[in-house]
Protein backbone atom coordinates (compact mmCIF):
# COMPACT_ATOMS: atom_id res chain seq x y z
CA THR A 1 -63.13 20.81 -94.14
CA ARG A 2 -62.34 24.21 -92.73
CA LYS A 3 -64.53 23.80 -89.66
CA LYS A 4 -62.89 20.47 -88.80
CA LYS A 5 -59.41 21.98 -89.09
CA HIS A 6 -60.41 24.90 -86.87
CA LYS A 7 -61.82 22.54 -84.23
CA LEU A 8 -58.59 20.49 -84.24
CA PHE A 9 -56.52 23.66 -83.97
CA CYS A 10 -58.55 24.86 -80.94
CA LYS A 11 -58.21 21.45 -79.28
CA ARG A 12 -54.44 21.42 -79.82
CA ALA A 13 -54.12 25.01 -78.61
CA GLY A 14 -55.69 23.96 -75.30
CA ILE A 15 -53.40 20.95 -74.83
CA GLU A 16 -50.06 22.54 -75.69
CA PRO A 17 -49.84 24.80 -72.58
CA THR A 18 -50.52 21.73 -70.39
CA ILE A 19 -47.68 19.84 -72.03
CA GLY A 20 -45.42 22.86 -71.57
CA HIS A 21 -46.21 23.00 -67.85
CA LEU A 22 -45.61 19.27 -67.52
CA LYS A 23 -42.21 19.68 -69.15
CA SER A 24 -41.10 22.62 -67.07
CA ASP A 25 -42.81 22.13 -63.69
CA PHE A 26 -42.83 18.36 -63.42
CA ARG A 27 -39.52 17.50 -65.09
CA LEU A 28 -41.09 15.79 -68.08
CA GLY A 29 -38.45 17.25 -70.37
CA ARG A 30 -35.91 14.62 -69.25
CA ASN A 31 -36.59 10.93 -68.82
CA PHE A 32 -35.01 9.33 -65.75
CA TYR A 33 -36.08 5.72 -66.53
CA LYS A 34 -34.84 3.36 -69.22
CA GLY A 35 -36.81 1.95 -72.11
CA VAL A 36 -40.36 2.33 -73.34
CA PHE A 37 -41.74 1.23 -69.97
CA GLY A 38 -39.67 3.98 -68.36
CA ASP A 39 -41.20 6.54 -70.73
CA VAL A 40 -44.67 5.42 -69.69
CA VAL A 41 -43.82 5.50 -65.97
CA ASN A 42 -42.27 8.98 -66.30
CA LEU A 43 -45.31 10.31 -68.13
CA LEU A 44 -47.78 8.78 -65.68
CA LEU A 45 -45.92 10.15 -62.63
CA ALA A 46 -45.79 13.63 -64.16
CA ALA A 47 -49.50 13.53 -65.06
CA ALA A 48 -50.39 12.26 -61.57
CA ALA A 49 -48.41 15.10 -59.96
CA TYR A 50 -50.12 17.63 -62.24
CA ASN A 51 -53.61 16.30 -61.37
CA PHE A 52 -52.75 16.13 -57.65
CA LYS A 53 -51.63 19.76 -57.73
CA ARG A 54 -54.90 20.79 -59.42
CA ALA A 55 -56.95 18.83 -56.87
CA MET A 56 -55.08 20.42 -53.95
CA ARG A 57 -55.72 23.87 -55.41
CA VAL A 58 -59.48 23.18 -55.61
CA LEU A 59 -59.47 21.80 -52.08
CA TRP A 60 -57.60 24.86 -50.79
CA LEU A 61 -60.11 27.20 -52.43
CA LEU A 62 -62.96 25.26 -50.85
CA VAL A 63 -61.33 25.51 -47.39
CA GLU A 64 -60.80 29.26 -47.87
CA LYS A 65 -64.42 29.70 -48.90
CA ILE A 66 -65.69 27.73 -45.89
CA CYS A 67 -63.46 29.66 -43.49
CA GLY A 68 -64.51 32.95 -45.03
CA THR A 69 -68.17 32.03 -44.64
CA LEU A 70 -67.74 30.92 -41.03
CA PHE A 71 -65.77 33.94 -39.91
CA SER A 72 -67.67 36.59 -41.86
CA CYS A 73 -70.98 35.83 -40.14
CA ASN A 74 -71.74 37.26 -36.72
CA ILE A 75 -71.87 34.01 -34.88
CA PRO A 76 -72.41 34.58 -31.13
CA GLN A 77 -69.60 33.16 -29.05
CA MET A 78 -70.61 30.55 -26.55
CA SER A 79 -69.40 31.18 -23.06
CA THR A 80 -66.67 28.92 -21.87
CA PHE A 81 -66.68 27.13 -18.56
């Protein structure tokens, strides 16, 4: 049906940019390992690097938010000894 085709198109349209980034940023365009097992290893390493980069970006945003919250408040400085 038409609705099913549209849903599949939208799903594919969301995946294609991810595959493009994997190919260009994580060297997925060229396989450095031999055989079918090498293909799997290459794909898993590229996907792991992609997910790690996303997780680090989220962690960095969280650290920035915490630091911004801490330093934007007027917290009285404690006197040092």
